[in-house]
Amino acid sequence: MTVSVAPPARAPAIPAPVLSPIDRVSGVIFGLIMALTFTGTLSVATADRNEVRSMLIGALGCNMAWGLVDAVMYLLATLTERRRNRAILNEVRSSSDPTRSRDLILQALPPVIAATMEPADIDGIRSRLARLPEPTMSALTLADFRTALGVFLLVFLATLPVALPFAFIGAAHRALRVSNGIALLMLFLGGYYLGGHGGTHPWRVGLGTMAVGVLLVWATIALGG
């Protein structure tokens, strides 16, 4: 008679970090708004090439700085969340209170899924978690830094389509019109993509995102941003 032996349980691996569609579009929109706060304050009636150059340097430098800040904050948030998840897993495995373990598991699940779970289902998850070996390290990985680089590039590269017309079009007023047109189109496309991702009306979300983006730019300029 052959006796089958179940393979040993593997420690839960850290999934490769992936930016959600909302994160990607939000990064682009944030970069656009930051760039527009520079182009929107340029006086096209009196601006000379030196002022345009200073505006371009300021817009690129500002978005580079904020892209770096966003990338670092992403790494900190990822590390904190990973350590938090490991702490929850350890508490679920070591707790002698079934009610406390169920609460922790439910809190870790999306609300829609948690609402469908029966106590027996949660106890089954708790039992399987208890049989897992010690989880892998919760430190940052190379994949995390690659994703952080993507966060930086999203914010920084969003500046280029808005700023480049000033580098190639000599007339400042014409460059501003082209720049604003590109920015409005990018805001609309970002909202359109979010609308399709969220299962709503893409055109409405696109137009709404474009309008909100313009209002945010005006508010930022008015507040001295």
Protein backbone atom coordinates (compact mmCIF):
# COMPACT_ATOMS: atom_id res chain seq x y z
CA MET A 1 0.00 0.00 0.00
CA THR A 2 1.34 3.42 -0.97
CA VAL A 3 1.10 6.15 1.62
CA SER A 4 0.84 9.67 0.22
CA VAL A 5 2.59 12.36 2.14
CA ALA A 6 1.34 15.92 1.83
CA PRO A 7 4.06 18.38 0.83
CA PRO A 8 5.17 20.75 3.58
CA ALA A 9 3.44 24.09 3.70
CA ARG A 10 5.39 26.94 2.26
CA ALA A 11 5.88 30.26 3.91
CA PRO A 12 3.75 32.97 2.37
CA ALA A 13 5.81 34.84 -0.17
CA ILE A 14 5.71 38.60 -0.50
CA PRO A 15 3.75 39.42 -3.67
CA ALA A 16 5.42 41.60 -6.24
CA PRO A 17 4.19 45.16 -5.75
CA VAL A 18 2.02 46.50 -8.53
CA LEU A 19 0.57 49.99 -8.76
CA SER A 20 -3.19 49.94 -9.15
CA PRO A 21 -4.83 51.84 -12.03
CA ILE A 22 -5.99 54.45 -9.52
CA ASP A 23 -2.43 54.92 -8.24
CA ARG A 24 -1.05 55.28 -11.76
CA VAL A 25 -3.65 57.80 -12.92
CA SER A 26 -3.43 59.70 -9.63
CA GLY A 27 0.33 60.06 -10.07
CA VAL A 28 -0.09 61.46 -13.57
CA ILE A 29 -2.85 63.87 -12.51
CA PHE A 30 -0.79 65.07 -9.54
CA GLY A 31 2.17 65.72 -11.83
CA LEU A 32 -0.06 67.59 -14.27
CA ILE A 33 -1.48 69.83 -11.58
CA MET A 34 1.97 70.66 -10.25
CA ALA A 35 3.19 71.53 -13.75
CA LEU A 36 0.11 73.65 -14.48
CA THR A 37 0.70 75.72 -11.35
CA PHE A 38 3.91 76.91 -13.03
CA THR A 39 2.61 77.41 -16.55
CA GLY A 40 -0.55 79.07 -15.25
CA THR A 41 1.37 81.83 -13.52
CA LEU A 42 3.40 82.74 -16.61
CA SER A 43 2.47 86.14 -18.06
CA VAL A 44 2.52 85.46 -21.81
CA ALA A 45 2.15 89.17 -22.59
CA THR A 46 5.46 90.13 -21.02
CA ALA A 47 7.36 86.86 -20.72
CA ASP A 48 10.75 86.65 -22.42
CA ARG A 49 12.89 83.59 -23.05
CA ASN A 50 14.62 83.89 -19.67
CA GLU A 51 11.30 83.82 -17.84
CA VAL A 52 10.12 80.87 -19.90
CA ARG A 53 13.38 79.04 -19.16
CA SER A 54 13.03 79.76 -15.45
CA MET A 55 9.46 78.45 -15.54
CA LEU A 56 10.54 75.24 -17.27
CA ILE A 57 13.35 74.66 -14.77
CA GLY A 58 11.00 75.34 -11.89
CA ALA A 59 8.28 73.01 -13.19
CA LEU A 60 10.71 70.16 -13.90
CA GLY A 61 12.54 70.63 -10.60
CA CYS A 62 9.33 70.78 -8.57
CA ASN A 63 7.90 67.62 -10.11
CA MET A 64 11.23 65.85 -9.72
CA ALA A 65 11.22 66.73 -6.01
CA TRP A 66 7.61 65.67 -5.50
CA GLY A 67 8.17 62.50 -7.48
CA LEU A 68 11.03 61.66 -5.15
CA VAL A 69 8.85 62.40 -2.11
CA ASP A 70 6.05 60.19 -3.46
CA ALA A 71 8.50 57.36 -4.17
CA VAL A 72 9.95 57.48 -0.66
CA MET A 73 6.48 57.64 0.90
CA TYR A 74 5.46 54.62 -1.20
CA LEU A 75 8.40 52.64 0.19
CA LEU A 76 7.56 53.66 3.77
CA ALA A 77 3.89 52.78 3.31
CA THR A 78 4.78 49.43 1.73
CA LEU A 79 7.16 48.52 4.54
CA THR A 80 4.67 49.58 7.22
CA GLU A 81 1.82 47.66 5.63
CA ARG A 82 3.94 44.54 5.19
CA ARG A 83 5.06 44.57 8.81
CA ARG A 84 1.50 45.21 9.92
CA ASN A 85 0.29 42.19 7.94
CA ARG A 86 3.01 40.04 9.47
CA ALA A 87 2.06 41.20 12.95
CA ILE A 88 -1.59 40.31 12.27
CA LEU A 89 -0.58 36.88 10.97
CA ASN A 90 1.55 36.19 14.06
CA GLU A 91 -1.25 37.28 16.37
CA VAL A 92 -3.81 35.12 14.57
CA ARG A 93 -1.53 32.11 14.86
CA SER A 94 -0.62 32.62 18.50
CA SER A 95 -3.92 33.88 19.91
CA SER A 96 -5.86 31.52 22.18
CA ASP A 97 -9.04 33.57 21.73
CA PRO A 98 -10.97 32.37 18.64
CA THR A 99 -13.12 35.51 18.62
CA ARG A 100 -10.06 37.75 18.49
CA SER A 101 -8.58 35.68 15.66
CA ARG A 102 -11.81 35.86 13.67
CA ASP A 103 -11.94 39.64 14.10
CA LEU A 104 -8.36 40.02 12.85
CA ILE A 105 -9.02 37.86 9.80
CA LEU A 106 -12.21 39.76 8.96
CA GLN A 107 -10.40 43.10 9.28
CA ALA A 108 -7.74 41.90 6.83
CA LEU A 109 -10.32 40.92 4.19
CA PRO A 110 -12.09 43.30 1.78
CA PRO A 111 -15.48 44.30 3.29
CA VAL A 112 -17.48 42.70 0.47
CA ILE A 113 -15.76 39.34 1.02
CA ALA A 114 -15.79 39.62 4.82
CA ALA A 115 -19.58 40.09 4.78
CA THR A 116 -20.04 36.69 3.11
CA MET A 117 -17.82 34.74 5.52
CA GLU A 118 -19.37 32.30 7.99
CA PRO A 119 -17.65 31.46 11.31
CA ALA A 120 -16.73 28.04 9.95
CA ASP A 121 -15.08 29.64 6.92
CA ILE A 122 -13.05 31.96 9.13
CA ASP A 123 -12.02 29.08 11.39
CA GLY A 124 -10.86 27.18 8.32
CA ILE A 125 -8.67 30.12 7.29
CA ARG A 126 -7.33 30.39 10.84
CA SER A 127 -6.49 26.69 10.86
CA ARG A 128 -4.58 26.92 7.59
CA LEU A 129 -2.71 30.02 8.76
CA ALA A 130 -1.69 28.21 11.94
CA ARG A 131 -0.09 25.42 9.89
CA LEU A 132 2.05 27.79 7.87
CA PRO A 133 5.76 28.06 8.69
CA GLU A 134 7.30 31.34 9.75
CA PRO A 135 6.61 33.96 7.05
CA THR A 136 9.41 35.37 4.97
CA MET A 137 11.11 38.64 5.83
CA SER A 138 9.04 41.80 5.56
CA ALA A 139 11.93 43.97 4.38
CA LEU A 140 11.83 45.94 1.15
CA THR A 141 12.79 44.07 -2.01
CA LEU A 142 14.25 45.05 -5.35
CA ALA A 143 10.74 44.86 -6.82
CA ASP A 144 9.60 47.46 -4.27
CA PHE A 145 12.32 49.86 -5.40
CA ARG A 146 11.40 49.28 -9.04
CA THR A 147 7.80 50.17 -8.25
CA ALA A 148 8.96 53.25 -6.34
CA LEU A 149 10.92 54.27 -9.44
CA GLY A 150 7.69 53.92 -11.39
CA VAL A 151 5.96 56.25 -8.91
CA PHE A 152 8.71 58.81 -9.40
CA LEU A 153 8.56 58.59 -13.18
CA LEU A 154 4.78 58.96 -13.27
CA VAL A 155 4.93 62.28 -11.43
CA PHE A 156 8.02 63.57 -13.22
CA LEU A 157 7.17 62.52 -16.78
CA ALA A 158 3.69 64.03 -16.50
CA THR A 159 5.47 67.41 -16.60
CA LEU A 160 7.03 66.91 -20.03
CA PRO A 161 3.97 67.09 -22.31
CA VAL A 162 2.89 70.30 -20.56
CA ALA A 163 6.34 71.92 -20.49
CA LEU A 164 7.75 70.91 -23.89
CA PRO A 165 5.63 73.33 -25.99
CA PHE A 166 7.48 76.21 -24.32
CA ALA A 167 10.79 74.69 -25.39
CA PHE A 168 9.83 74.34 -29.07
CA ILE A 169 7.33 77.14 -29.74
CA GLY A 170 8.81 80.62 -29.76
CA ALA A 171 5.62 82.60 -29.12
CA ALA A 172 4.77 82.26 -25.44
CA HIS A 173 1.02 82.79 -25.90
CA ARG A 174 0.83 80.05 -28.54
CA ALA A 175 2.95 77.70 -26.44
CA LEU A 176 0.63 78.28 -23.47
CA ARG A 177 -2.44 77.42 -25.54
CA VAL A 178 -0.84 74.19 -26.79
CA SER A 179 0.35 73.35 -23.28
CA ASN A 180 -3.09 73.91 -21.76
CA GLY A 181 -4.72 71.87 -24.52
CA ILE A 182 -2.37 68.94 -23.86
CA ALA A 183 -3.00 69.18 -20.11
CA LEU A 184 -6.78 69.19 -20.55
CA LEU A 185 -6.57 66.20 -22.88
CA MET A 186 -4.41 64.27 -20.41
CA LEU A 187 -6.79 65.07 -17.54
CA PHE A 188 -9.72 63.89 -19.63
CA LEU A 189 -7.95 60.67 -20.66
CA GLY A 190 -7.02 59.95 -17.04
CA GLY A 191 -10.63 60.36 -15.95
CA TYR A 192 -11.88 58.36 -18.92
CA TYR A 193 -9.59 55.50 -17.94
CA LEU A 194 -10.76 55.65 -14.32
CA GLY A 195 -14.38 55.67 -15.44
CA GLY A 196 -13.87 52.53 -17.50
CA HIS A 197 -11.95 50.88 -14.66
CA GLY A 198 -14.69 51.69 -12.16
CA GLY A 199 -17.49 50.48 -14.41
CA THR A 200 -19.12 53.92 -14.72
CA HIS A 201 -19.57 56.34 -17.63
CA PRO A 202 -16.03 57.05 -18.94
CA TRP A 203 -17.01 60.27 -20.73
CA ARG A 204 -18.66 61.75 -17.65
CA VAL A 205 -15.77 60.81 -15.40
CA GLY A 206 -13.29 62.16 -17.96
CA LEU A 207 -15.04 65.52 -18.19
CA GLY A 208 -15.46 65.64 -14.41
CA THR A 209 -11.78 64.90 -13.85
CA MET A 210 -10.83 67.61 -16.32
CA ALA A 211 -13.05 70.15 -14.52
CA VAL A 212 -11.80 69.17 -11.06
CA GLY A 213 -8.19 69.36 -12.28
CA VAL A 214 -8.71 72.91 -13.56
CA LEU A 215 -10.32 73.95 -10.28
CA LEU A 216 -7.46 72.44 -8.30
CA VAL A 217 -4.93 74.34 -10.41
CA TRP A 218 -6.77 77.62 -9.86
CA ALA A 219 -7.03 76.93 -6.12
CA THR A 220 -3.33 76.04 -5.89
CA ILE A 221 -2.31 79.22 -7.71
CA ALA A 222 -4.69 81.34 -5.60
CA LEU A 223 -3.24 79.89 -2.40
CA GLY A 224 0.30 80.65 -3.54
CA GLY A 225 1.25 77.07 -4.43
